[in-house]
Amino acid sequence: MKGKIILAVVLTALVAVLLFQNKEIVTFKIYFWTVGISQVILVPVMVLAGILIGYLLGTARRERE
């Protein structure tokens, strides 16, 4: 359990450093739309999406077994 807490703290620190270093606007295209969004918003959204997908896949795997 202590290892998970240490891992969570380290990952949180890495994401915080990433946020402070990337404040620029990122422009990307989604089909016909061009979207410009700050990396400070984009990175946490993608991190949370990854956590949610990992949790859902882990839960689905446990339910099948």
PDB file of N, CA and C in Angstrom:
ATOM      1  N   MET A   1       0.819  -1.192   0.000  1.00  0.00           N
ATOM      2  CA  MET A   1       0.000   0.000   0.000  1.00  0.00           C
ATOM      3  C   MET A   1       0.862   1.256   0.000  1.00  0.00           C
ATOM      4  N   LYS A   2       1.973   1.232   0.731  1.00  0.00           N
ATOM      5  CA  LYS A   2       2.844   2.389   0.796  1.00  0.00           C
ATOM      6  C   LYS A   2       3.467   2.686  -0.571  1.00  0.00           C
ATOM      7  N   GLY A   3       3.752   1.660  -1.329  1.00  0.00           N
ATOM      8  CA  GLY A   3       4.310   1.835  -2.668  1.00  0.00           C
ATOM      9  C   GLY A   3       3.349   2.560  -3.597  1.00  0.00           C
ATOM     10  N   LYS A   4       2.060   2.278  -3.479  1.00  0.00           N
ATOM     11  CA  LYS A   4       1.056   2.945  -4.307  1.00  0.00           C
ATOM     12  C   LYS A   4       0.980   4.428  -3.969  1.00  0.00           C
ATOM     13  N   ILE A   5       1.095   4.741  -2.689  1.00  0.00           N
ATOM     14  CA  ILE A   5       1.037   6.148  -2.282  1.00  0.00           C
ATOM     15  C   ILE A   5       2.247   6.895  -2.821  1.00  0.00           C
ATOM     16  N   ILE A   6       3.407   6.283  -2.728  1.00  0.00           N
ATOM     17  CA  ILE A   6       4.626   6.914  -3.250  1.00  0.00           C
ATOM     18  C   ILE A   6       4.511   7.108  -4.755  1.00  0.00           C
ATOM     19  N   LEU A   7       4.020   6.108  -5.458  1.00  0.00           N
ATOM     20  CA  LEU A   7       3.832   6.205  -6.907  1.00  0.00           C
ATOM     21  C   LEU A   7       2.853   7.323  -7.252  1.00  0.00           C
ATOM     22  N   ALA A   8       1.768   7.440  -6.522  1.00  0.00           N
ATOM     23  CA  ALA A   8       0.779   8.490  -6.768  1.00  0.00           C
ATOM     24  C   ALA A   8       1.387   9.870  -6.547  1.00  0.00           C
ATOM     25  N   VAL A   9       2.194  10.024  -5.503  1.00  0.00           N
ATOM     26  CA  VAL A   9       2.825  11.317  -5.222  1.00  0.00           C
ATOM     27  C   VAL A   9       3.817  11.666  -6.328  1.00  0.00           C
ATOM     28  N   VAL A  10       4.607  10.711  -6.759  1.00  0.00           N
ATOM     29  CA  VAL A  10       5.587  10.955  -7.821  1.00  0.00           C
ATOM     30  C   VAL A  10       4.886  11.323  -9.127  1.00  0.00           C
ATOM     31  N   LEU A  11       3.848  10.591  -9.490  1.00  0.00           N
ATOM     32  CA  LEU A  11       3.115  10.895 -10.720  1.00  0.00           C
ATOM     33  C   LEU A  11       2.434  12.256 -10.643  1.00  0.00           C
ATOM     34  N   THR A  12       1.893  12.607  -9.492  1.00  0.00           N
ATOM     35  CA  THR A  12       1.274  13.920  -9.312  1.00  0.00           C
ATOM     36  C   THR A  12       2.312  15.027  -9.460  1.00  0.00           C
ATOM     37  N   ALA A  13       3.490  14.830  -8.898  1.00  0.00           N
ATOM     38  CA  ALA A  13       4.561  15.827  -9.023  1.00  0.00           C
ATOM     39  C   ALA A  13       4.993  15.977 -10.488  1.00  0.00           C
ATOM     40  N   LEU A  14       5.101  14.864 -11.203  1.00  0.00           N
ATOM     41  CA  LEU A  14       5.490  14.929 -12.615  1.00  0.00           C
ATOM     42  C   LEU A  14       4.447  15.671 -13.446  1.00  0.00           C
ATOM     43  N   VAL A  15       3.184  15.426 -13.188  1.00  0.00           N
ATOM     44  CA  VAL A  15       2.118  16.126 -13.915  1.00  0.00           C
ATOM     45  C   VAL A  15       2.138  17.613 -13.578  1.00  0.00           C
ATOM     46  N   ALA A  16       2.392  17.958 -12.316  1.00  0.00           N
ATOM     47  CA  ALA A  16       2.468  19.370 -11.918  1.00  0.00           C
ATOM     48  C   ALA A  16       3.613  20.069 -12.644  1.00  0.00           C
ATOM     49  N   VAL A  17       4.769  19.439 -12.721  1.00  0.00           N
ATOM     50  CA  VAL A  17       5.907  20.021 -13.440  1.00  0.00           C
ATOM     51  C   VAL A  17       5.562  20.182 -14.913  1.00  0.00           C
ATOM     52  N   LEU A  18       4.923  19.187 -15.486  1.00  0.00           N
ATOM     53  CA  LEU A  18       4.516  19.241 -16.887  1.00  0.00           C
ATOM     54  C   LEU A  18       3.575  20.414 -17.128  1.00  0.00           C
ATOM     55  N   LEU A  19       2.647  20.653 -16.216  1.00  0.00           N
ATOM     56  CA  LEU A  19       1.702  21.755 -16.369  1.00  0.00           C
ATOM     57  C   LEU A  19       2.394  23.108 -16.302  1.00  0.00           C
ATOM     58  N   PHE A  20       3.307  23.270 -15.363  1.00  0.00           N
ATOM     59  CA  PHE A  20       3.987  24.551 -15.215  1.00  0.00           C
ATOM     60  C   PHE A  20       4.898  24.869 -16.396  1.00  0.00           C
ATOM     61  N   GLN A  21       5.383  23.853 -17.081  1.00  0.00           N
ATOM     62  CA  GLN A  21       6.295  24.085 -18.195  1.00  0.00           C
ATOM     63  C   GLN A  21       5.584  24.243 -19.531  1.00  0.00           C
ATOM     64  N   ASN A  22       4.311  23.880 -19.607  1.00  0.00           N
ATOM     65  CA  ASN A  22       3.589  23.902 -20.883  1.00  0.00           C
ATOM     66  C   ASN A  22       2.342  24.765 -20.773  1.00  0.00           C
ATOM     67  N   LYS A  23       2.519  26.052 -21.020  1.00  0.00           N
ATOM     68  CA  LYS A  23       1.396  26.974 -20.914  1.00  0.00           C
ATOM     69  C   LYS A  23       0.915  27.469 -22.283  1.00  0.00           C
ATOM     70  N   GLU A  24       1.517  26.997 -23.347  1.00  0.00           N
ATOM     71  CA  GLU A  24       1.191  27.476 -24.687  1.00  0.00           C
ATOM     72  C   GLU A  24      -0.183  26.975 -25.137  1.00  0.00           C
ATOM     73  N   ILE A  25      -0.663  27.621 -26.190  1.00  0.00           N
ATOM     74  CA  ILE A  25      -1.911  27.206 -26.823  1.00  0.00           C
ATOM     75  C   ILE A  25      -1.577  26.136 -27.863  1.00  0.00           C
ATOM     76  N   VAL A  26      -2.335  25.056 -27.854  1.00  0.00           N
ATOM     77  CA  VAL A  26      -2.159  23.963 -28.810  1.00  0.00           C
ATOM     78  C   VAL A  26      -3.334  24.006 -29.772  1.00  0.00           C
ATOM     79  N   THR A  27      -3.049  23.937 -31.050  1.00  0.00           N
ATOM     80  CA  THR A  27      -4.092  23.937 -32.066  1.00  0.00           C
ATOM     81  C   THR A  27      -4.096  22.576 -32.746  1.00  0.00           C
ATOM     82  N   PHE A  28      -5.265  21.970 -32.816  1.00  0.00           N
ATOM     83  CA  PHE A  28      -5.378  20.704 -33.529  1.00  0.00           C
ATOM     84  C   PHE A  28      -6.704  20.645 -34.258  1.00  0.00           C
ATOM     85  N   LYS A  29      -6.776  19.783 -35.256  1.00  0.00           N
ATOM     86  CA  LYS A  29      -7.972  19.685 -36.089  1.00  0.00           C
ATOM     87  C   LYS A  29      -8.735  18.411 -35.765  1.00  0.00           C
ATOM     88  N   ILE A  30     -10.036  18.567 -35.678  1.00  0.00           N
ATOM     89  CA  ILE A  30     -10.944  17.430 -35.525  1.00  0.00           C
ATOM     90  C   ILE A  30     -11.914  17.526 -36.698  1.00  0.00           C
ATOM     91  N   TYR A  31     -11.693  16.713 -37.695  1.00  0.00           N
ATOM     92  CA  TYR A  31     -12.434  16.750 -38.951  1.00  0.00           C
ATOM     93  C   TYR A  31     -12.439  18.156 -39.528  1.00  0.00           C
ATOM     94  N   PHE A  32     -13.548  18.887 -39.425  1.00  0.00           N
ATOM     95  CA  PHE A  32     -13.646  20.206 -40.036  1.00  0.00           C
ATOM     96  C   PHE A  32     -13.409  21.341 -39.045  1.00  0.00           C
ATOM     97  N   TRP A  33     -13.256  21.031 -37.777  1.00  0.00           N
ATOM     98  CA  TRP A  33     -13.071  22.057 -36.765  1.00  0.00           C
ATOM     99  C   TRP A  33     -11.593  22.213 -36.428  1.00  0.00           C
ATOM    100  N   THR A  34     -11.206  23.429 -36.169  1.00  0.00           N
ATOM    101  CA  THR A  34      -9.874  23.711 -35.652  1.00  0.00           C
ATOM    102  C   THR A  34     -10.054  24.179 -34.222  1.00  0.00           C
ATOM    103  N   VAL A  35      -9.429  23.473 -33.294  1.00  0.00           N
ATOM    104  CA  VAL A  35      -9.598  23.751 -31.875  1.00  0.00           C
ATOM    105  C   VAL A  35      -8.271  24.241 -31.306  1.00  0.00           C
ATOM    106  N   GLY A  36      -8.322  25.343 -30.582  1.00  0.00           N
ATOM    107  CA  GLY A  36      -7.150  25.843 -29.882  1.00  0.00           C
ATOM    108  C   GLY A  36      -7.426  25.797 -28.384  1.00  0.00           C
ATOM    109  N   ILE A  37      -6.569  25.129 -27.647  1.00  0.00           N
ATOM    110  CA  ILE A  37      -6.785  24.968 -26.213  1.00  0.00           C
ATOM    111  C   ILE A  37      -5.434  25.037 -25.498  1.00  0.00           C
ATOM    112  N   SER A  38      -5.437  25.585 -24.312  1.00  0.00           N
ATOM    113  CA  SER A  38      -4.209  25.694 -23.529  1.00  0.00           C
ATOM    114  C   SER A  38      -3.787  24.312 -23.041  1.00  0.00           C
ATOM    115  N   GLN A  39      -2.481  24.085 -23.023  1.00  0.00           N
ATOM    116  CA  GLN A  39      -1.981  22.799 -22.538  1.00  0.00           C
ATOM    117  C   GLN A  39      -2.264  22.614 -21.050  1.00  0.00           C
ATOM    118  N   VAL A  40      -2.409  23.733 -20.330  1.00  0.00           N
ATOM    119  CA  VAL A  40      -2.712  23.642 -18.903  1.00  0.00           C
ATOM    120  C   VAL A  40      -4.078  22.980 -18.690  1.00  0.00           C
ATOM    121  N   ILE A  41      -4.981  23.132 -19.639  1.00  0.00           N
ATOM    122  CA  ILE A  41      -6.290  22.489 -19.561  1.00  0.00           C
ATOM    123  C   ILE A  41      -6.246  21.104 -20.196  1.00  0.00           C
ATOM    124  N   LEU A  42      -5.564  20.997 -21.321  1.00  0.00           N
ATOM    125  CA  LEU A  42      -5.550  19.751 -22.089  1.00  0.00           C
ATOM    126  C   LEU A  42      -4.885  18.595 -21.341  1.00  0.00           C
ATOM    127  N   VAL A  43      -3.738  18.843 -20.717  1.00  0.00           N
ATOM    128  CA  VAL A  43      -2.991  17.761 -20.057  1.00  0.00           C
ATOM    129  C   VAL A  43      -3.794  17.132 -18.914  1.00  0.00           C
ATOM    130  N   PRO A  44      -4.372  17.907 -17.972  1.00  0.00           N
ATOM    131  CA  PRO A  44      -5.143  17.258 -16.911  1.00  0.00           C
ATOM    132  C   PRO A  44      -6.370  16.506 -17.430  1.00  0.00           C
ATOM    133  N   VAL A  45      -6.995  17.036 -18.474  1.00  0.00           N
ATOM    134  CA  VAL A  45      -8.150  16.335 -19.054  1.00  0.00           C
ATOM    135  C   VAL A  45      -7.718  14.983 -19.609  1.00  0.00           C
ATOM    136  N   MET A  46      -6.596  14.946 -20.306  1.00  0.00           N
ATOM    137  CA  MET A  46      -6.110  13.683 -20.866  1.00  0.00           C
ATOM    138  C   MET A  46      -5.645  12.718 -19.770  1.00  0.00           C
ATOM    139  N   VAL A  47      -5.030  13.242 -18.714  1.00  0.00           N
ATOM    140  CA  VAL A  47      -4.613  12.389 -17.599  1.00  0.00           C
ATOM    141  C   VAL A  47      -5.846  11.762 -16.938  1.00  0.00           C
ATOM    142  N   LEU A  48      -6.862  12.571 -16.687  1.00  0.00           N
ATOM    143  CA  LEU A  48      -8.090  12.049 -16.080  1.00  0.00           C
ATOM    144  C   LEU A  48      -8.792  11.051 -17.001  1.00  0.00           C
ATOM    145  N   ALA A  49      -8.774  11.319 -18.305  1.00  0.00           N
ATOM    146  CA  ALA A  49      -9.363  10.371 -19.257  1.00  0.00           C
ATOM    147  C   ALA A  49      -8.613   9.042 -19.222  1.00  0.00           C
ATOM    148  N   GLY A  50      -7.290   9.086 -19.142  1.00  0.00           N
ATOM    149  CA  GLY A  50      -6.502   7.853 -19.055  1.00  0.00           C
ATOM    150  C   GLY A  50      -6.776   7.082 -17.783  1.00  0.00           C
ATOM    151  N   ILE A  51      -6.895   7.802 -16.670  1.00  0.00           N
ATOM    152  CA  ILE A  51      -7.211   7.141 -15.399  1.00  0.00           C
ATOM    153  C   ILE A  51      -8.583   6.494 -15.464  1.00  0.00           C
ATOM    154  N   LEU A  52      -9.555   7.213 -16.015  1.00  0.00           N
ATOM    155  CA  LEU A  52     -10.917   6.681 -16.118  1.00  0.00           C
ATOM    156  C   LEU A  52     -10.965   5.452 -17.020  1.00  0.00           C
ATOM    157  N   ILE A  53     -10.283   5.500 -18.158  1.00  0.00           N
ATOM    158  CA  ILE A  53     -10.269   4.350 -19.070  1.00  0.00           C
ATOM    159  C   ILE A  53      -9.599   3.154 -18.408  1.00  0.00           C
ATOM    160  N   GLY A  54      -8.485   3.382 -17.722  1.00  0.00           N
ATOM    161  CA  GLY A  54      -7.810   2.291 -17.017  1.00  0.00           C
ATOM    162  C   GLY A  54      -8.679   1.678 -15.934  1.00  0.00           C
ATOM    163  N   TYR A  55      -9.385   2.515 -15.200  1.00  0.00           N
ATOM    164  CA  TYR A  55     -10.280   2.013 -14.154  1.00  0.00           C
ATOM    165  C   TYR A  55     -11.416   1.195 -14.754  1.00  0.00           C
ATOM    166  N   LEU A  56     -12.024   1.711 -15.813  1.00  0.00           N
ATOM    167  CA  LEU A  56     -13.143   0.995 -16.438  1.00  0.00           C
ATOM    168  C   LEU A  56     -12.693  -0.338 -17.038  1.00  0.00           C
ATOM    169  N   LEU A  57     -11.519  -0.358 -17.675  1.00  0.00           N
ATOM    170  CA  LEU A  57     -11.032  -1.613 -18.233  1.00  0.00           C
ATOM    171  C   LEU A  57     -10.686  -2.616 -17.134  1.00  0.00           C
ATOM    172  N   GLY A  58     -10.118  -2.145 -16.031  1.00  0.00           N
ATOM    173  CA  GLY A  58      -9.815  -3.031 -14.907  1.00  0.00           C
ATOM    174  C   GLY A  58     -11.077  -3.588 -14.271  1.00  0.00           C
ATOM    175  N   THR A  59     -12.102  -2.751 -14.158  1.00  0.00           N
ATOM    176  CA  THR A  59     -13.373  -3.196 -13.588  1.00  0.00           C
ATOM    177  C   THR A  59     -14.047  -4.208 -14.517  1.00  0.00           C
ATOM    178  N   ALA A  60     -14.008  -3.964 -15.818  1.00  0.00           N
ATOM    179  CA  ALA A  60     -14.620  -4.895 -16.780  1.00  0.00           C
ATOM    180  C   ALA A  60     -13.898  -6.230 -16.769  1.00  0.00           C
ATOM    181  N   ARG A  61     -12.588  -6.226 -16.608  1.00  0.00           N
ATOM    182  CA  ARG A  61     -11.831  -7.477 -16.591  1.00  0.00           C
ATOM    183  C   ARG A  61     -12.177  -8.299 -15.351  1.00  0.00           C
ATOM    184  N   ARG A  62     -12.321  -7.622 -14.203  1.00  0.00           N
ATOM    185  CA  ARG A  62     -12.663  -8.331 -12.960  1.00  0.00           C
ATOM    186  C   ARG A  62     -14.056  -8.927 -13.027  1.00  0.00           C
ATOM    187  N   GLU A  63     -14.979  -8.251 -13.711  1.00  0.00           N
ATOM    188  CA  GLU A  63     -16.347  -8.752 -13.803  1.00  0.00           C
ATOM    189  C   GLU A  63     -16.428  -9.990 -14.697  1.00  0.00           C
ATOM    190  N   ARG A  64     -15.558 -10.093 -15.698  1.00  0.00           N
ATOM    191  CA  ARG A  64     -15.565 -11.258 -16.594  1.00  0.00           C
ATOM    192  C   ARG A  64     -15.019 -12.499 -15.902  1.00  0.00           C
ATOM    193  N   GLU A  65     -14.133 -12.328 -14.959  1.00  0.00           N
ATOM    194  CA  GLU A  65     -13.482 -13.493 -14.321  1.00  0.00           C
ATOM    195  C   GLU A  65     -14.338 -14.085 -13.252  1.00  0.00           C
TER     196      GLU A  65
END
